[in-house]
Amino acid sequence: MNVELHNIREFQVVATSGHTLLRLSTRGLDDEVKGLQNYKADVREQLMGGGYSNWGILGDQYSSIEGLPRAKRTFKLPNPLYYVS
């Protein structure tokens, strides 16, 4: 894995529509002590506190979509890499 890409903590992308702003936050070493569900809930709280609206959460695991604050809609997708027989 490229070290530069691994060290990116967050970046912002302005969509081609001109006014839509998206933000992605990635988990860092300091966040490893938090449980994954708590980390994701904390990031959602930071985003909403920063003026972002949380219209939907898309995830392949329930830990991705559970916790507060909640989105208006949640979408649980199957993960094709897991197979339980």
N, C-alpha and C. Protein backbone atom coordinates (compact mmCIF):
# COMPACT_ATOMS: atom_id res chain seq x y z
N MET A 1 0.85 -1.18 0.00
CA MET A 1 0.00 0.00 0.00
C MET A 1 0.89 1.23 0.00
N ASN A 2 0.51 2.21 -0.75
CA ASN A 2 1.25 3.45 -0.83
C ASN A 2 1.17 4.17 0.52
N VAL A 3 2.34 4.52 1.08
CA VAL A 3 2.39 5.14 2.40
C VAL A 3 1.67 6.48 2.38
N GLU A 4 1.82 7.26 1.30
CA GLU A 4 1.15 8.55 1.23
C GLU A 4 -0.36 8.39 1.30
N LEU A 5 -0.90 7.43 0.59
CA LEU A 5 -2.34 7.20 0.61
C LEU A 5 -2.78 6.69 1.97
N HIS A 6 -1.95 5.87 2.61
CA HIS A 6 -2.31 5.32 3.92
C HIS A 6 -2.38 6.43 4.98
N ASN A 7 -1.57 7.47 4.85
CA ASN A 7 -1.52 8.52 5.85
C ASN A 7 -2.56 9.62 5.65
N ILE A 8 -3.33 9.55 4.60
CA ILE A 8 -4.36 10.56 4.39
C ILE A 8 -5.44 10.39 5.45
N ARG A 9 -5.70 11.42 6.21
CA ARG A 9 -6.70 11.35 7.28
C ARG A 9 -8.08 11.75 6.79
N GLU A 10 -8.15 12.78 6.01
CA GLU A 10 -9.44 13.17 5.48
C GLU A 10 -9.22 14.04 4.25
N PHE A 11 -10.18 14.04 3.38
CA PHE A 11 -10.11 14.92 2.23
C PHE A 11 -11.51 15.34 1.86
N GLN A 12 -11.58 16.43 1.11
CA GLN A 12 -12.87 16.94 0.68
C GLN A 12 -12.91 16.98 -0.84
N VAL A 13 -14.06 16.67 -1.37
CA VAL A 13 -14.25 16.67 -2.81
C VAL A 13 -15.45 17.54 -3.12
N VAL A 14 -15.27 18.47 -4.02
CA VAL A 14 -16.40 19.27 -4.48
C VAL A 14 -16.96 18.59 -5.71
N ALA A 15 -18.23 18.22 -5.65
CA ALA A 15 -18.87 17.51 -6.76
C ALA A 15 -19.00 18.43 -7.97
N THR A 16 -19.18 17.83 -9.11
CA THR A 16 -19.24 18.60 -10.35
C THR A 16 -20.46 19.51 -10.42
N SER A 17 -21.45 19.29 -9.57
CA SER A 17 -22.63 20.17 -9.59
C SER A 17 -22.30 21.57 -9.09
N GLY A 18 -21.16 21.75 -8.46
CA GLY A 18 -20.72 23.07 -8.07
C GLY A 18 -20.95 23.43 -6.62
N HIS A 19 -22.04 23.01 -6.00
CA HIS A 19 -22.31 23.45 -4.64
C HIS A 19 -22.35 22.31 -3.63
N THR A 20 -22.31 21.09 -4.08
CA THR A 20 -22.38 19.96 -3.16
C THR A 20 -20.98 19.66 -2.63
N LEU A 21 -20.86 19.56 -1.32
CA LEU A 21 -19.58 19.28 -0.70
C LEU A 21 -19.68 17.96 0.05
N LEU A 22 -18.79 17.05 -0.26
CA LEU A 22 -18.74 15.75 0.40
C LEU A 22 -17.49 15.69 1.25
N ARG A 23 -17.53 14.92 2.32
CA ARG A 23 -16.35 14.79 3.18
C ARG A 23 -16.18 13.34 3.57
N LEU A 24 -14.95 12.88 3.56
CA LEU A 24 -14.62 11.52 3.97
C LEU A 24 -13.60 11.59 5.09
N SER A 25 -13.88 10.93 6.19
CA SER A 25 -12.95 10.85 7.31
C SER A 25 -12.55 9.40 7.48
N THR A 26 -11.26 9.15 7.60
CA THR A 26 -10.78 7.78 7.78
C THR A 26 -10.24 7.60 9.19
N ARG A 27 -10.25 6.39 9.64
CA ARG A 27 -9.83 6.04 11.00
C ARG A 27 -8.31 6.08 11.10
N GLY A 28 -7.81 6.76 12.12
CA GLY A 28 -6.38 6.85 12.34
C GLY A 28 -5.93 6.02 13.52
N LEU A 29 -4.65 6.07 13.83
CA LEU A 29 -4.10 5.28 14.92
C LEU A 29 -4.70 5.67 16.27
N ASP A 30 -4.99 6.95 16.47
CA ASP A 30 -5.58 7.40 17.74
C ASP A 30 -6.99 6.86 17.93
N ASP A 31 -7.64 6.50 16.84
CA ASP A 31 -9.02 6.00 16.90
C ASP A 31 -9.10 4.51 17.15
N GLU A 32 -7.98 3.81 17.17
CA GLU A 32 -7.98 2.36 17.32
C GLU A 32 -8.50 1.91 18.69
N VAL A 33 -8.39 2.78 19.69
CA VAL A 33 -8.85 2.40 21.03
C VAL A 33 -10.37 2.44 21.15
N LYS A 34 -11.02 3.16 20.24
CA LYS A 34 -12.48 3.23 20.23
C LYS A 34 -13.03 2.00 19.52
N GLY A 35 -14.19 1.57 19.91
CA GLY A 35 -14.87 0.54 19.14
C GLY A 35 -15.32 1.14 17.81
N LEU A 36 -15.49 0.30 16.82
CA LEU A 36 -15.83 0.78 15.49
C LEU A 36 -17.17 1.52 15.48
N GLN A 37 -18.15 0.98 16.17
CA GLN A 37 -19.46 1.63 16.19
C GLN A 37 -19.38 3.00 16.87
N ASN A 38 -18.63 3.11 17.96
CA ASN A 38 -18.45 4.41 18.63
C ASN A 38 -17.71 5.39 17.74
N TYR A 39 -16.68 4.91 17.03
CA TYR A 39 -15.93 5.78 16.13
C TYR A 39 -16.85 6.36 15.06
N LYS A 40 -17.65 5.50 14.44
CA LYS A 40 -18.53 5.96 13.36
C LYS A 40 -19.58 6.93 13.87
N ALA A 41 -20.13 6.67 15.05
CA ALA A 41 -21.11 7.59 15.63
C ALA A 41 -20.46 8.94 15.95
N ASP A 42 -19.22 8.93 16.46
CA ASP A 42 -18.51 10.18 16.75
C ASP A 42 -18.26 10.99 15.49
N VAL A 43 -17.87 10.32 14.41
CA VAL A 43 -17.62 11.02 13.15
C VAL A 43 -18.92 11.63 12.61
N ARG A 44 -20.02 10.88 12.70
CA ARG A 44 -21.31 11.44 12.25
C ARG A 44 -21.68 12.67 13.07
N GLU A 45 -21.43 12.62 14.38
CA GLU A 45 -21.72 13.76 15.24
C GLU A 45 -20.87 14.97 14.86
N GLN A 46 -19.58 14.75 14.56
CA GLN A 46 -18.70 15.84 14.14
C GLN A 46 -19.17 16.44 12.83
N LEU A 47 -19.56 15.59 11.89
CA LEU A 47 -20.03 16.09 10.59
C LEU A 47 -21.29 16.93 10.75
N MET A 48 -22.24 16.44 11.53
CA MET A 48 -23.49 17.17 11.71
C MET A 48 -23.25 18.46 12.51
N GLY A 49 -22.32 18.44 13.45
CA GLY A 49 -21.97 19.64 14.18
C GLY A 49 -21.28 20.67 13.30
N GLY A 50 -20.67 20.21 12.21
CA GLY A 50 -20.00 21.09 11.27
C GLY A 50 -20.91 21.61 10.17
N GLY A 51 -22.21 21.33 10.30
CA GLY A 51 -23.15 21.87 9.32
C GLY A 51 -23.57 20.91 8.22
N TYR A 52 -23.04 19.70 8.22
CA TYR A 52 -23.43 18.72 7.21
C TYR A 52 -24.77 18.09 7.59
N SER A 53 -25.53 17.69 6.59
CA SER A 53 -26.78 16.95 6.81
C SER A 53 -26.51 15.48 6.55
N ASN A 54 -27.07 14.63 7.37
CA ASN A 54 -26.87 13.19 7.21
C ASN A 54 -28.17 12.60 6.67
N TRP A 55 -28.27 12.52 5.37
CA TRP A 55 -29.49 12.04 4.73
C TRP A 55 -29.55 10.53 4.68
N GLY A 56 -28.40 9.88 4.59
CA GLY A 56 -28.42 8.43 4.51
C GLY A 56 -27.08 7.82 4.86
N ILE A 57 -27.15 6.59 5.38
CA ILE A 57 -25.95 5.82 5.69
C ILE A 57 -26.05 4.52 4.92
N LEU A 58 -24.97 4.18 4.25
CA LEU A 58 -24.89 2.96 3.45
C LEU A 58 -23.79 2.10 4.04
N GLY A 59 -24.10 0.85 4.39
CA GLY A 59 -23.08 0.00 4.98
C GLY A 59 -23.37 -1.47 4.77
N ASP A 60 -22.30 -2.27 4.82
CA ASP A 60 -22.47 -3.72 4.66
C ASP A 60 -22.49 -4.43 6.01
N GLN A 61 -22.29 -3.68 7.10
CA GLN A 61 -22.34 -4.26 8.43
C GLN A 61 -23.21 -3.36 9.31
N TYR A 62 -23.89 -3.96 10.27
CA TYR A 62 -24.77 -3.17 11.13
C TYR A 62 -24.01 -2.13 11.93
N SER A 63 -22.73 -2.38 12.24
CA SER A 63 -21.95 -1.38 12.98
C SER A 63 -21.78 -0.10 12.18
N SER A 64 -21.92 -0.17 10.87
CA SER A 64 -21.80 1.02 10.02
C SER A 64 -23.02 1.92 10.11
N ILE A 65 -24.17 1.34 10.41
CA ILE A 65 -25.41 2.12 10.33
C ILE A 65 -26.08 2.33 11.69
N GLU A 66 -25.55 1.71 12.74
CA GLU A 66 -26.14 1.87 14.07
C GLU A 66 -25.45 3.00 14.83
N GLY A 67 -26.08 3.46 15.86
CA GLY A 67 -25.51 4.51 16.70
C GLY A 67 -26.16 5.86 16.44
N LEU A 68 -25.89 6.79 17.34
CA LEU A 68 -26.43 8.14 17.23
C LEU A 68 -25.33 9.09 16.83
N PRO A 69 -25.60 10.14 16.12
CA PRO A 69 -26.89 10.51 15.54
C PRO A 69 -27.23 9.64 14.33
N ARG A 70 -28.50 9.45 14.11
CA ARG A 70 -28.97 8.62 13.01
C ARG A 70 -29.19 9.46 11.76
N ALA A 71 -29.19 8.78 10.64
CA ALA A 71 -29.52 9.43 9.37
C ALA A 71 -31.02 9.30 9.14
N LYS A 72 -31.51 10.05 8.16
CA LYS A 72 -32.93 9.94 7.82
C LYS A 72 -33.25 8.57 7.24
N ARG A 73 -32.29 7.96 6.53
CA ARG A 73 -32.47 6.62 5.96
C ARG A 73 -31.19 5.82 6.17
N THR A 74 -31.32 4.53 6.38
CA THR A 74 -30.16 3.64 6.43
C THR A 74 -30.37 2.53 5.43
N PHE A 75 -29.28 2.09 4.83
CA PHE A 75 -29.32 1.05 3.81
C PHE A 75 -28.29 -0.02 4.16
N LYS A 76 -28.74 -1.21 4.48
CA LYS A 76 -27.87 -2.34 4.79
C LYS A 76 -27.71 -3.16 3.52
N LEU A 77 -26.48 -3.23 3.03
CA LEU A 77 -26.19 -3.97 1.81
C LEU A 77 -25.55 -5.31 2.14
N PRO A 78 -25.76 -6.31 1.32
CA PRO A 78 -25.06 -7.58 1.52
C PRO A 78 -23.58 -7.42 1.16
N ASN A 79 -22.74 -8.15 1.84
CA ASN A 79 -21.32 -8.15 1.53
C ASN A 79 -21.01 -9.45 0.80
N PRO A 80 -20.66 -9.38 -0.48
CA PRO A 80 -20.43 -10.59 -1.26
C PRO A 80 -19.19 -11.38 -0.83
N LEU A 81 -18.34 -10.79 0.01
CA LEU A 81 -17.13 -11.50 0.45
C LEU A 81 -17.40 -12.44 1.61
N TYR A 82 -18.53 -12.26 2.30
CA TYR A 82 -18.89 -13.14 3.41
C TYR A 82 -19.94 -14.13 2.93
N TYR A 83 -19.73 -15.38 3.26
CA TYR A 83 -20.71 -16.41 2.92
C TYR A 83 -20.83 -17.35 4.11
N VAL A 84 -22.02 -17.49 4.63
CA VAL A 84 -22.26 -18.39 5.75
C VAL A 84 -23.16 -19.50 5.25
N SER A 85 -22.70 -20.74 5.40
CA SER A 85 -23.52 -21.86 4.91
C SER A 85 -24.08 -22.66 6.06
